[in-house]
C-alpha atoms as a PDB file:
ATOM      1  CA  MET A   1      50.326 120.173 107.006  1.00  0.00           C
ATOM      2  CA  LYS A   2      52.238 116.977 107.777  1.00  0.00           C
ATOM      3  CA  LYS A   3      55.889 116.671 106.879  1.00  0.00           C
ATOM      4  CA  LYS A   4      56.473 113.709 104.573  1.00  0.00           C
ATOM      5  CA  VAL A   5      58.906 111.196 106.036  1.00  0.00           C
ATOM      6  CA  LYS A   6      61.383 109.792 103.532  1.00  0.00           C
ATOM      7  CA  SER A   7      61.711 106.022 103.429  1.00  0.00           C
ATOM      8  CA  ALA A   8      64.697 104.284 105.012  1.00  0.00           C
ATOM      9  CA  ILE A   9      67.450 102.769 102.864  1.00  0.00           C
ATOM     10  CA  TYR A  10      69.420  99.590 103.573  1.00  0.00           C
ATOM     11  CA  LEU A  11      73.164 100.118 104.139  1.00  0.00           C
ATOM     12  CA  LYS A  12      74.167  97.890 101.201  1.00  0.00           C
ATOM     13  CA  ASP A  13      72.018 100.019  98.852  1.00  0.00           C
ATOM     14  CA  VAL A  14      73.641 103.168 100.252  1.00  0.00           C
ATOM     15  CA  GLN A  15      77.085 101.710  99.528  1.00  0.00           C
ATOM     16  CA  LEU A  16      76.063 100.968  95.936  1.00  0.00           C
ATOM     17  CA  PHE A  17      74.629 104.495  95.595  1.00  0.00           C
ATOM     18  CA  LEU A  18      77.870 106.027  96.892  1.00  0.00           C
ATOM     19  CA  ASP A  19      79.854 103.931  94.413  1.00  0.00           C
ATOM     20  CA  GLU A  20      77.648 105.286  91.627  1.00  0.00           C
ATOM     21  CA  CYS A  21      78.283 108.830  92.913  1.00  0.00           C
ATOM     22  CA  ILE A  22      82.026 108.212  92.471  1.00  0.00           C
ATOM     23  CA  ARG A  23      81.450 107.608  88.759  1.00  0.00           C
ATOM     24  CA  THR A  24      78.927 110.433  88.203  1.00  0.00           C
ATOM     25  CA  HIS A  25      80.594 113.036  90.508  1.00  0.00           C
ATOM     26  CA  GLU A  26      77.212 113.693  92.131  1.00  0.00           C
ATOM     27  CA  PRO A  27      77.410 115.552  95.466  1.00  0.00           C
ATOM     28  CA  VAL A  28      75.741 113.965  98.509  1.00  0.00           C
ATOM     29  CA  THR A  29      74.491 115.161 101.868  1.00  0.00           C
ATOM     30  CA  LEU A  30      75.548 112.680 104.508  1.00  0.00           C
ATOM     31  CA  LEU A  31      75.054 112.618 108.278  1.00  0.00           C
ATOM     32  CA  ALA A  32      77.490 110.358 110.131  1.00  0.00           C
ATOM     33  CA  LEU A  33      78.876 109.795 113.584  1.00  0.00           C
ATOM     34  CA  THR A  34      82.531 110.154 114.438  1.00  0.00           C
ATOM     35  CA  GLN A  35      84.287 107.484 116.493  1.00  0.00           C
ATOM     36  CA  ASP A  36      83.807 109.592 119.626  1.00  0.00           C
ATOM     37  CA  GLY A  37      80.034 109.951 119.023  1.00  0.00           C
ATOM     38  CA  LYS A  38      79.781 113.454 117.524  1.00  0.00           C
ATOM     39  CA  ARG A  39      77.587 114.105 114.489  1.00  0.00           C
ATOM     40  CA  ASN A  40      79.154 115.360 111.269  1.00  0.00           C
ATOM     41  CA  LEU A  41      77.128 116.813 108.409  1.00  0.00           C
ATOM     42  CA  TYR A  42      78.773 116.530 104.998  1.00  0.00           C
ATOM     43  CA  GLU A  43      76.543 118.732 102.841  1.00  0.00           C
ATOM     44  CA  GLY A  44      77.323 118.774  99.130  1.00  0.00           C
ATOM     45  CA  TRP A  45      80.492 116.679  99.451  1.00  0.00           C
ATOM     46  CA  LEU A  46      81.790 114.475  96.635  1.00  0.00           C
ATOM     47  CA  VAL A  47      82.538 110.781  97.049  1.00  0.00           C
ATOM     48  CA  VAL A  48      86.058 110.131  95.775  1.00  0.00           C
ATOM     49  CA  SER A  49      86.772 106.501  96.704  1.00  0.00           C
ATOM     50  CA  ALA A  50      85.426 103.397  98.413  1.00  0.00           C
ATOM     51  CA  HIS A  51      87.166 100.675 100.388  1.00  0.00           C
ATOM     52  CA  TRP A  52      84.866  97.660 100.636  1.00  0.00           C
ATOM     53  CA  ARG A  53      87.177  95.577 102.791  1.00  0.00           C
ATOM     54  CA  ALA A  54      87.738  98.403 105.280  1.00  0.00           C
ATOM     55  CA  GLY A  55      84.082  99.501 105.076  1.00  0.00           C
ATOM     56  CA  THR A  56      84.844 103.172 104.401  1.00  0.00           C
ATOM     57  CA  HIS A  57      84.208 105.895 101.834  1.00  0.00           C
ATOM     58  CA  ASP A  58      86.347 108.988 101.253  1.00  0.00           C
ATOM     59  CA  LEU A  59      84.505 112.299 100.839  1.00  0.00           C
ATOM     60  CA  ARG A  60      85.956 115.529  99.443  1.00  0.00           C
ATOM     61  CA  ASN A  61      84.728 119.013 100.236  1.00  0.00           C
ATOM     62  CA  PRO A  62      84.388 120.796  96.858  1.00  0.00           C
ATOM     63  CA  LYS A  63      85.034 124.207  98.462  1.00  0.00           C
ATOM     64  CA  ASN A  64      88.440 123.608 100.018  1.00  0.00           C
ATOM     65  CA  GLY A  65      89.506 120.122  98.894  1.00  0.00           C
ATOM     66  CA  GLU A  66      89.486 118.630 102.404  1.00  0.00           C
ATOM     67  CA  ILE A  67      89.146 114.820 102.382  1.00  0.00           C
ATOM     68  CA  ARG A  68      87.451 112.834 105.153  1.00  0.00           C
ATOM     69  CA  LYS A  69      87.207 109.064 105.597  1.00  0.00           C
ATOM     70  CA  VAL A  70      83.760 107.928 106.816  1.00  0.00           C
ATOM     71  CA  ARG A  71      83.054 104.417 108.132  1.00  0.00           C
ATOM     72  CA  ASP A  72      79.969 102.971 106.444  1.00  0.00           C
ATOM     73  CA  VAL A  73      78.436 101.601 109.649  1.00  0.00           C
ATOM     74  CA  LEU A  74      78.549 105.082 111.238  1.00  0.00           C
ATOM     75  CA  MET A  75      76.403 106.695 108.510  1.00  0.00           C
ATOM     76  CA  PHE A  76      72.787 107.168 109.521  1.00  0.00           C
ATOM     77  CA  ASN A  77      71.273 109.599 106.989  1.00  0.00           C
ATOM     78  CA  ILE A  78      71.907 110.239 103.287  1.00  0.00           C
ATOM     79  CA  ASN A  79      70.133 112.909 101.234  1.00  0.00           C
ATOM     80  CA  GLY A  80      67.384 113.052 103.872  1.00  0.00           C
ATOM     81  CA  HIS A  81      66.798 109.272 103.971  1.00  0.00           C
ATOM     82  CA  PRO A  82      67.515 107.321 107.175  1.00  0.00           C
ATOM     83  CA  ILE A  83      69.909 104.370 106.822  1.00  0.00           C
ATOM     84  CA  TYR A  84      69.351 101.019 108.515  1.00  0.00           C
ATOM     85  CA  LEU A  85      71.639  98.006 108.924  1.00  0.00           C
END
């Protein structure tokens, strides 16, 4: 049986989706690169703020309250959907 490939999402649409998640408190699963090239998986994290001018979103871990700032251009997968520029 073939695995169904999820369709890719444009970065601008991902930014709008993350902004909506701020309002609805919906958790997201996000795969992003760090500045040194390592992959980070944020599974079930909440989006707490967005900075359009800086091009970043702040994510909070609901288990321990840790907050991470993620650059939008370094995100490459959200909820199983690839992201393209």
